[in-house]
C-alpha cells in the first residue's frame, strides 16, 4: 500500500509543487464533469464582452492543482482534506502554465492536523490563487 507522509515525517517549511499548462480541453472536461457551463469559460463570443475580454479557466479547476499536490505529494496518499480557504487573485487563460504550491505552516500532532499555505501562480510568477488548507495526514504504519 502506498502511503503519504505521517505527521512525524513532516516539518514546518516543507514544500511541494505541481505544474500544468491549462488547455481548452481541460476547461471543457471540467465543465462537463461539474456542470459549470458559465459562458465566461466556454463561450468566446460572450467572453469577449467581459472584463477579461476572453475565456478564462474555472477558478476551481485551478484550485484542483492544490488538491493534486496534497493527494500525491505532501502529505500524499491517504491524506484527508478537511478545509480550504481560497482567494482568486488573477485570471487563468488557456495556455497558461500554472504551478500549484503547498507549504507546511503548522503541525498539530495532538489532532493529527497540518495547516498549509496553498498558492497557484502562472508562468510569469503572478499568484492567481492564494489560500490556506487544513489536512489530516495518514497515520504512521503500526510497527
N, C-alpha and C. Protein backbone atom coordinates (compact mmCIF):
# COMPACT_ATOMS: atom_id res chain seq x y z
N UNK A 1 0.84 -1.19 0.00
CA UNK A 1 0.00 0.00 0.00
C UNK A 1 0.89 1.25 0.00
N UNK A 2 0.56 2.18 -0.87
CA UNK A 2 1.30 3.44 -0.92
C UNK A 2 0.68 4.39 0.10
N UNK A 3 1.52 4.95 0.94
CA UNK A 3 1.03 5.90 1.93
C UNK A 3 1.85 7.18 1.86
N UNK A 4 1.18 8.28 2.16
CA UNK A 4 1.86 9.56 2.21
C UNK A 4 2.64 9.69 3.51
N UNK A 5 3.11 10.87 3.76
CA UNK A 5 3.91 11.14 4.95
C UNK A 5 3.01 11.32 6.17
N UNK A 6 3.36 10.66 7.25
CA UNK A 6 2.65 10.86 8.50
C UNK A 6 3.17 12.14 9.15
N UNK A 7 2.46 12.61 10.17
CA UNK A 7 2.79 13.91 10.76
C UNK A 7 4.22 13.95 11.31
N UNK A 8 4.73 12.80 11.76
CA UNK A 8 6.10 12.77 12.29
C UNK A 8 7.16 12.77 11.18
N UNK A 9 6.73 12.68 9.92
CA UNK A 9 7.66 12.73 8.79
C UNK A 9 7.63 14.10 8.08
N UNK A 10 6.85 15.02 8.62
CA UNK A 10 6.66 16.34 8.00
C UNK A 10 7.23 17.39 8.94
N UNK A 11 7.79 18.46 8.35
CA UNK A 11 8.25 19.58 9.18
C UNK A 11 7.77 20.90 8.60
N UNK A 12 7.62 21.89 9.46
CA UNK A 12 7.23 23.22 9.02
C UNK A 12 8.25 23.70 7.99
N UNK A 13 7.76 24.26 6.89
CA UNK A 13 8.62 24.73 5.82
C UNK A 13 8.74 23.77 4.66
N UNK A 14 8.34 22.49 4.83
CA UNK A 14 8.34 21.55 3.71
C UNK A 14 7.43 22.08 2.61
N UNK A 15 7.82 21.86 1.35
CA UNK A 15 7.03 22.31 0.21
C UNK A 15 6.94 21.23 -0.85
N UNK A 16 5.93 21.37 -1.70
CA UNK A 16 5.80 20.52 -2.88
C UNK A 16 5.09 21.34 -3.96
N UNK A 17 5.35 21.03 -5.22
CA UNK A 17 4.76 21.75 -6.34
C UNK A 17 4.27 20.80 -7.42
N UNK A 18 3.34 21.31 -8.21
CA UNK A 18 2.82 20.61 -9.38
C UNK A 18 2.53 21.67 -10.44
N UNK A 19 2.98 21.46 -11.66
CA UNK A 19 2.76 22.42 -12.74
C UNK A 19 2.06 21.76 -13.92
N UNK A 20 1.17 22.52 -14.56
CA UNK A 20 0.45 22.04 -15.73
C UNK A 20 0.04 23.22 -16.58
N UNK A 21 0.09 23.03 -17.89
CA UNK A 21 -0.43 24.03 -18.82
C UNK A 21 -1.92 23.77 -19.02
N UNK A 22 -2.73 24.80 -18.79
CA UNK A 22 -4.18 24.68 -18.89
C UNK A 22 -4.58 24.75 -20.37
N UNK A 23 -5.33 23.75 -20.81
CA UNK A 23 -5.75 23.68 -22.21
C UNK A 23 -7.25 23.92 -22.34
N UNK A 24 -7.67 24.17 -23.56
CA UNK A 24 -9.09 24.30 -23.84
C UNK A 24 -9.82 23.00 -23.47
N UNK A 25 -9.19 21.88 -23.75
CA UNK A 25 -9.78 20.59 -23.40
C UNK A 25 -10.00 20.46 -21.90
N UNK A 26 -9.03 20.91 -21.10
CA UNK A 26 -9.20 20.88 -19.64
C UNK A 26 -10.46 21.63 -19.22
N UNK A 27 -10.67 22.79 -19.81
CA UNK A 27 -11.81 23.62 -19.45
C UNK A 27 -13.12 22.93 -19.81
N UNK A 28 -13.19 22.36 -21.01
CA UNK A 28 -14.42 21.67 -21.42
C UNK A 28 -14.66 20.40 -20.61
N UNK A 29 -13.60 19.66 -20.31
CA UNK A 29 -13.77 18.47 -19.48
C UNK A 29 -14.26 18.84 -18.08
N UNK A 30 -13.69 19.89 -17.51
CA UNK A 30 -14.10 20.33 -16.18
C UNK A 30 -15.57 20.77 -16.20
N UNK A 31 -15.94 21.52 -17.23
CA UNK A 31 -17.33 21.95 -17.36
C UNK A 31 -18.26 20.75 -17.43
N UNK A 32 -17.87 19.74 -18.20
CA UNK A 32 -18.70 18.55 -18.34
C UNK A 32 -18.83 17.76 -17.06
N UNK A 33 -17.74 17.62 -16.33
CA UNK A 33 -17.75 16.86 -15.08
C UNK A 33 -18.57 17.57 -14.01
N UNK A 34 -18.41 18.89 -13.92
CA UNK A 34 -19.04 19.63 -12.83
C UNK A 34 -20.40 20.21 -13.19
N UNK A 35 -20.69 20.35 -14.49
CA UNK A 35 -21.92 21.00 -14.92
C UNK A 35 -21.82 22.52 -14.93
N UNK A 36 -20.62 23.07 -14.72
CA UNK A 36 -20.41 24.52 -14.70
C UNK A 36 -20.09 24.99 -16.12
N UNK A 37 -21.15 25.37 -16.83
CA UNK A 37 -21.01 25.85 -18.21
C UNK A 37 -21.14 27.37 -18.29
N UNK A 38 -20.64 28.07 -17.28
CA UNK A 38 -20.63 29.53 -17.29
C UNK A 38 -20.02 29.97 -18.62
N UNK A 39 -20.71 30.84 -19.37
CA UNK A 39 -20.18 31.25 -20.67
C UNK A 39 -18.84 31.98 -20.59
N UNK A 40 -18.48 32.49 -19.42
CA UNK A 40 -17.15 33.11 -19.26
C UNK A 40 -16.04 32.08 -19.50
N UNK A 41 -16.39 30.80 -19.38
CA UNK A 41 -15.41 29.73 -19.56
C UNK A 41 -15.53 29.02 -20.92
N UNK A 42 -16.75 28.95 -21.47
CA UNK A 42 -16.96 28.08 -22.64
C UNK A 42 -17.48 28.79 -23.89
N UNK A 43 -17.72 30.11 -23.83
CA UNK A 43 -18.29 30.81 -24.97
C UNK A 43 -17.45 32.05 -25.27
N UNK A 44 -16.63 31.96 -26.31
CA UNK A 44 -15.71 33.06 -26.63
C UNK A 44 -16.45 34.35 -27.01
N UNK A 45 -17.57 34.23 -27.73
CA UNK A 45 -18.33 35.42 -28.12
C UNK A 45 -18.83 36.16 -26.87
N UNK A 46 -19.34 35.42 -25.92
CA UNK A 46 -19.78 36.02 -24.66
C UNK A 46 -18.59 36.61 -23.91
N UNK A 47 -17.53 35.83 -23.81
CA UNK A 47 -16.36 36.22 -23.01
C UNK A 47 -15.69 37.49 -23.53
N UNK A 48 -15.80 37.74 -24.83
CA UNK A 48 -15.19 38.96 -25.41
C UNK A 48 -15.77 40.23 -24.79
N UNK A 49 -17.00 40.13 -24.28
CA UNK A 49 -17.66 41.30 -23.68
C UNK A 49 -17.51 41.36 -22.16
N UNK A 50 -16.68 40.50 -21.60
CA UNK A 50 -16.46 40.51 -20.15
C UNK A 50 -15.23 41.35 -19.81
N UNK A 51 -15.03 41.52 -18.53
CA UNK A 51 -13.87 42.24 -18.01
C UNK A 51 -12.56 41.65 -18.54
N UNK A 52 -12.52 40.31 -18.73
CA UNK A 52 -11.28 39.63 -19.12
C UNK A 52 -11.06 39.60 -20.63
N UNK A 53 -12.09 39.89 -21.44
CA UNK A 53 -12.02 40.00 -22.90
C UNK A 53 -11.77 38.68 -23.63
N UNK A 54 -11.73 37.58 -22.89
CA UNK A 54 -11.57 36.25 -23.47
C UNK A 54 -11.98 35.22 -22.43
N UNK A 55 -12.11 33.98 -22.86
CA UNK A 55 -12.47 32.92 -21.90
C UNK A 55 -11.37 32.74 -20.87
N UNK A 56 -11.78 32.38 -19.66
CA UNK A 56 -10.83 32.07 -18.59
C UNK A 56 -11.17 30.70 -18.02
N UNK A 57 -10.19 30.08 -17.40
CA UNK A 57 -10.40 28.78 -16.76
C UNK A 57 -11.23 28.95 -15.50
N UNK A 58 -11.96 27.92 -15.14
CA UNK A 58 -12.69 27.89 -13.89
C UNK A 58 -11.70 28.04 -12.73
N UNK A 59 -12.03 28.86 -11.76
CA UNK A 59 -11.17 29.01 -10.59
C UNK A 59 -10.96 27.69 -9.86
N UNK A 60 -12.02 26.89 -9.76
CA UNK A 60 -11.90 25.63 -9.02
C UNK A 60 -11.11 24.58 -9.82
N UNK A 61 -11.06 24.70 -11.14
CA UNK A 61 -10.18 23.84 -11.92
C UNK A 61 -8.74 24.09 -11.49
N UNK A 62 -8.37 25.35 -11.41
CA UNK A 62 -7.02 25.72 -10.99
C UNK A 62 -6.77 25.30 -9.55
N UNK A 63 -7.74 25.50 -8.67
CA UNK A 63 -7.60 25.10 -7.27
C UNK A 63 -7.39 23.59 -7.14
N UNK A 64 -7.89 22.84 -8.11
CA UNK A 64 -7.69 21.40 -8.11
C UNK A 64 -6.23 20.99 -8.15
N UNK A 65 -5.37 21.87 -8.66
CA UNK A 65 -3.94 21.56 -8.69
C UNK A 65 -3.39 21.45 -7.26
N UNK A 66 -3.96 22.25 -6.35
CA UNK A 66 -3.56 22.17 -4.94
C UNK A 66 -3.95 20.81 -4.38
N UNK A 67 -5.17 20.38 -4.70
CA UNK A 67 -5.63 19.07 -4.25
C UNK A 67 -4.72 17.96 -4.76
N UNK A 68 -4.26 18.09 -6.00
CA UNK A 68 -3.36 17.07 -6.57
C UNK A 68 -2.06 16.97 -5.78
N UNK A 69 -1.53 18.10 -5.34
CA UNK A 69 -0.29 18.09 -4.55
C UNK A 69 -0.53 17.39 -3.21
N UNK A 70 -1.62 17.76 -2.56
CA UNK A 70 -1.94 17.17 -1.25
C UNK A 70 -2.15 15.67 -1.38
N UNK A 71 -2.86 15.24 -2.43
CA UNK A 71 -3.17 13.82 -2.61
C UNK A 71 -1.96 12.99 -3.01
N UNK A 72 -1.08 13.56 -3.82
CA UNK A 72 0.00 12.77 -4.41
C UNK A 72 1.39 13.00 -3.82
N UNK A 73 1.61 14.17 -3.16
CA UNK A 73 2.96 14.51 -2.73
C UNK A 73 3.09 14.87 -1.26
N UNK A 74 2.34 15.88 -0.82
CA UNK A 74 2.55 16.41 0.52
C UNK A 74 1.23 16.76 1.19
N UNK A 75 0.78 16.02 2.15
CA UNK A 75 1.41 14.84 2.71
C UNK A 75 1.39 13.59 1.81
N UNK A 76 0.42 13.50 0.88
CA UNK A 76 0.41 12.39 -0.06
C UNK A 76 -0.73 11.42 0.17
N UNK A 77 -0.65 10.23 -0.47
CA UNK A 77 -1.74 9.27 -0.44
C UNK A 77 -2.22 8.96 0.99
N UNK A 78 -3.53 8.95 1.14
CA UNK A 78 -4.13 8.68 2.44
C UNK A 78 -4.50 9.93 3.21
N UNK A 79 -4.08 11.10 2.72
CA UNK A 79 -4.39 12.37 3.38
C UNK A 79 -5.87 12.69 3.20
N UNK A 80 -6.49 13.19 4.26
CA UNK A 80 -7.88 13.63 4.21
C UNK A 80 -7.89 15.16 4.22
N UNK A 81 -8.53 15.72 3.20
CA UNK A 81 -8.66 17.17 3.04
C UNK A 81 -9.81 17.64 3.93
N UNK A 82 -9.57 18.54 4.87
CA UNK A 82 -10.59 18.97 5.81
C UNK A 82 -11.14 20.37 5.54
N UNK A 83 -10.29 21.27 5.07
CA UNK A 83 -10.72 22.66 4.92
C UNK A 83 -9.81 23.35 3.91
N UNK A 84 -10.40 24.29 3.16
CA UNK A 84 -9.60 25.08 2.22
C UNK A 84 -10.23 26.46 2.09
N UNK A 85 -9.44 27.49 2.30
CA UNK A 85 -9.84 28.87 2.02
C UNK A 85 -9.07 29.32 0.80
N UNK A 86 -9.77 30.01 -0.11
CA UNK A 86 -9.14 30.44 -1.37
C UNK A 86 -9.48 31.89 -1.67
N UNK A 87 -8.53 32.60 -2.20
CA UNK A 87 -8.76 33.91 -2.81
C UNK A 87 -8.31 33.81 -4.26
N UNK A 88 -9.20 34.15 -5.18
CA UNK A 88 -8.90 34.12 -6.61
C UNK A 88 -8.41 35.51 -6.99
N UNK A 89 -7.13 35.63 -7.30
CA UNK A 89 -6.49 36.93 -7.45
C UNK A 89 -6.30 37.40 -8.88
N UNK A 90 -6.22 36.46 -9.82
CA UNK A 90 -5.99 36.82 -11.22
C UNK A 90 -6.55 35.71 -12.10
N UNK A 91 -6.93 36.05 -13.34
CA UNK A 91 -7.50 35.03 -14.23
C UNK A 91 -6.45 34.05 -14.73
N UNK A 92 -6.92 32.87 -15.10
CA UNK A 92 -6.09 31.86 -15.75
C UNK A 92 -6.62 31.70 -17.16
N UNK A 93 -5.74 31.92 -18.14
CA UNK A 93 -6.12 31.83 -19.54
C UNK A 93 -5.68 30.50 -20.14
N UNK A 94 -6.33 30.13 -21.23
CA UNK A 94 -5.92 28.94 -21.98
C UNK A 94 -4.46 29.15 -22.40
N UNK A 95 -3.61 28.16 -22.13
CA UNK A 95 -2.20 28.24 -22.47
C UNK A 95 -1.32 28.66 -21.31
N UNK A 96 -1.92 29.15 -20.21
CA UNK A 96 -1.12 29.49 -19.03
C UNK A 96 -0.58 28.22 -18.38
N UNK A 97 0.65 28.27 -17.95
CA UNK A 97 1.22 27.17 -17.17
C UNK A 97 1.12 27.57 -15.71
N UNK A 98 0.35 26.79 -14.97
CA UNK A 98 0.07 27.09 -13.58
C UNK A 98 0.88 26.15 -12.69
N UNK A 99 1.54 26.73 -11.69
CA UNK A 99 2.28 25.95 -10.70
C UNK A 99 1.56 26.08 -9.36
N UNK A 100 1.04 24.96 -8.90
CA UNK A 100 0.46 24.91 -7.56
C UNK A 100 1.57 24.64 -6.57
N UNK A 101 1.43 25.19 -5.36
CA UNK A 101 2.46 25.02 -4.33
C UNK A 101 1.80 24.86 -2.98
N UNK A 102 2.28 23.93 -2.22
CA UNK A 102 1.84 23.70 -0.85
C UNK A 102 3.05 23.85 0.06
N UNK A 103 2.87 24.60 1.16
CA UNK A 103 3.93 24.77 2.15
C UNK A 103 3.35 24.47 3.53
N UNK A 104 4.07 23.69 4.30
CA UNK A 104 3.62 23.36 5.66
C UNK A 104 3.82 24.58 6.56
N UNK A 105 2.70 25.05 7.16
CA UNK A 105 2.75 26.20 8.06
C UNK A 105 2.78 25.79 9.53
N UNK A 106 2.04 24.73 9.86
CA UNK A 106 1.91 24.35 11.27
C UNK A 106 1.56 22.88 11.38
N UNK A 107 2.15 22.22 12.37
CA UNK A 107 1.81 20.84 12.70
C UNK A 107 1.02 20.84 14.00
N UNK A 108 -0.06 20.11 14.04
CA UNK A 108 -0.90 19.99 15.23
C UNK A 108 -0.99 18.49 15.57
N UNK A 109 0.08 17.94 16.18
CA UNK A 109 0.18 16.49 16.36
C UNK A 109 -0.94 15.89 17.21
N UNK A 110 -1.40 16.62 18.23
CA UNK A 110 -2.43 16.05 19.11
C UNK A 110 -3.75 15.80 18.39
N UNK A 111 -3.97 16.49 17.26
CA UNK A 111 -5.19 16.28 16.47
C UNK A 111 -4.89 15.64 15.11
N UNK A 112 -3.61 15.33 14.87
CA UNK A 112 -3.16 14.82 13.56
C UNK A 112 -3.63 15.74 12.43
N UNK A 113 -3.33 17.03 12.59
CA UNK A 113 -3.70 18.03 11.60
C UNK A 113 -2.46 18.78 11.13
N UNK A 114 -2.51 19.21 9.88
CA UNK A 114 -1.44 20.00 9.28
C UNK A 114 -2.07 21.20 8.59
N UNK A 115 -1.58 22.39 8.92
CA UNK A 115 -2.05 23.63 8.29
C UNK A 115 -1.10 23.97 7.16
N UNK A 116 -1.67 24.33 6.00
CA UNK A 116 -0.89 24.52 4.77
C UNK A 116 -1.12 25.90 4.17
N UNK A 117 -0.06 26.50 3.65
CA UNK A 117 -0.19 27.65 2.75
C UNK A 117 -0.33 27.08 1.36
N UNK A 118 -1.35 27.53 0.62
CA UNK A 118 -1.61 26.99 -0.71
C UNK A 118 -1.65 28.14 -1.72
N UNK A 119 -0.90 27.98 -2.80
CA UNK A 119 -0.88 29.01 -3.85
C UNK A 119 -0.83 28.37 -5.22
N UNK A 120 -1.28 29.13 -6.21
CA UNK A 120 -1.07 28.80 -7.61
C UNK A 120 -0.57 30.06 -8.29
N UNK A 121 0.43 29.91 -9.14
CA UNK A 121 0.97 31.06 -9.87
C UNK A 121 1.12 30.69 -11.34
N UNK A 122 1.12 31.72 -12.18
CA UNK A 122 1.27 31.46 -13.61
C UNK A 122 2.73 31.52 -14.03
N UNK A 123 2.97 31.36 -15.31
CA UNK A 123 4.33 31.29 -15.86
C UNK A 123 5.09 32.59 -15.67
N UNK A 124 4.41 33.68 -15.38
CA UNK A 124 5.07 34.96 -15.14
C UNK A 124 5.30 35.21 -13.66
N UNK A 125 4.94 34.23 -12.82
CA UNK A 125 5.12 34.38 -11.39
C UNK A 125 3.99 35.11 -10.69
N UNK A 126 2.93 35.43 -11.42
CA UNK A 126 1.77 36.10 -10.83
C UNK A 126 0.96 35.08 -10.03
N UNK A 127 0.69 35.39 -8.76
CA UNK A 127 -0.12 34.50 -7.94
C UNK A 127 -1.57 34.66 -8.35
N UNK A 128 -2.17 33.56 -8.82
CA UNK A 128 -3.56 33.59 -9.28
C UNK A 128 -4.52 33.10 -8.20
N UNK A 129 -4.03 32.26 -7.29
CA UNK A 129 -4.81 31.78 -6.14
C UNK A 129 -3.91 31.79 -4.92
N UNK A 130 -4.46 32.26 -3.81
CA UNK A 130 -3.77 32.20 -2.53
C UNK A 130 -4.75 31.67 -1.50
N UNK A 131 -4.26 30.84 -0.60
CA UNK A 131 -5.17 30.32 0.40
C UNK A 131 -4.46 29.56 1.50
N UNK A 132 -5.29 28.92 2.31
CA UNK A 132 -4.80 28.13 3.42
C UNK A 132 -5.66 26.89 3.55
N UNK A 133 -5.02 25.75 3.77
CA UNK A 133 -5.73 24.50 3.90
C UNK A 133 -5.45 23.81 5.21
N UNK A 134 -6.30 22.85 5.55
CA UNK A 134 -6.13 22.02 6.73
C UNK A 134 -6.36 20.58 6.31
N UNK A 135 -5.40 19.72 6.63
CA UNK A 135 -5.50 18.31 6.25
C UNK A 135 -5.16 17.42 7.44
N UNK A 136 -5.58 16.17 7.31
CA UNK A 136 -5.20 15.13 8.26
C UNK A 136 -4.35 14.12 7.49
N UNK A 137 -3.04 14.09 7.78
CA UNK A 137 -2.16 13.17 7.04
C UNK A 137 -2.42 11.73 7.47
N UNK A 138 -1.95 10.77 6.67
CA UNK A 138 -2.14 9.38 7.05
C UNK A 138 -1.40 9.07 8.36
N UNK A 139 -1.92 8.13 9.10
CA UNK A 139 -1.26 7.72 10.34
C UNK A 139 -0.04 6.88 9.98
N UNK A 140 0.97 6.94 10.86
CA UNK A 140 2.16 6.13 10.66
C UNK A 140 1.79 4.65 10.75
N UNK A 141 2.39 3.81 9.92
CA UNK A 141 2.09 2.39 9.99
C UNK A 141 2.46 1.82 11.37
N UNK A 142 1.68 0.88 11.82
CA UNK A 142 1.96 0.26 13.13
C UNK A 142 3.18 -0.63 12.99
N UNK A 143 4.04 -0.53 13.98
CA UNK A 143 5.30 -1.30 13.94
C UNK A 143 5.08 -2.75 14.31
